[in-house]
Amino acid sequence: MKGENCPFCGVVLKHQARAAEHAALVNQVFQQQFDRNPGVFGGAPPPQIGYTVGAAPPQYVEAPATQAAKRTAFVIIAVVVGVIALAFLIVGVAVLFMFL
């Protein structure tokens, strides 16, 4: 986009600029803390907070318990559907033999 604002909401680029200002402010605060007390970060240089426009959102990873619960629900549903199908088959065969 070449304009100053988003044509739809009118504020997106302002929000991006504000986020970049916040990242610069955090970096400045870290640097000031490091200048006052060089051991504050364990002797390492202060961390730098980056700002990337259009960064990918964090990926969602399901917990193993959630995966296990989904698998268990699938197995239960499959067994119930199988039992019902078998019951229909038995009833169908029984009705077929009644008319033979």
Foldseek 3Di string as FASTA:
>chain_A
DPDCADPPPGCPNVVLVVVQVVQVVVQVVQQVVCVVPVPPVPNDRGDHDDRDPPDDDDDDDDDPVVVVVVVVVVVVVVVVVVVVVVVVVVVVVVVVVVVD
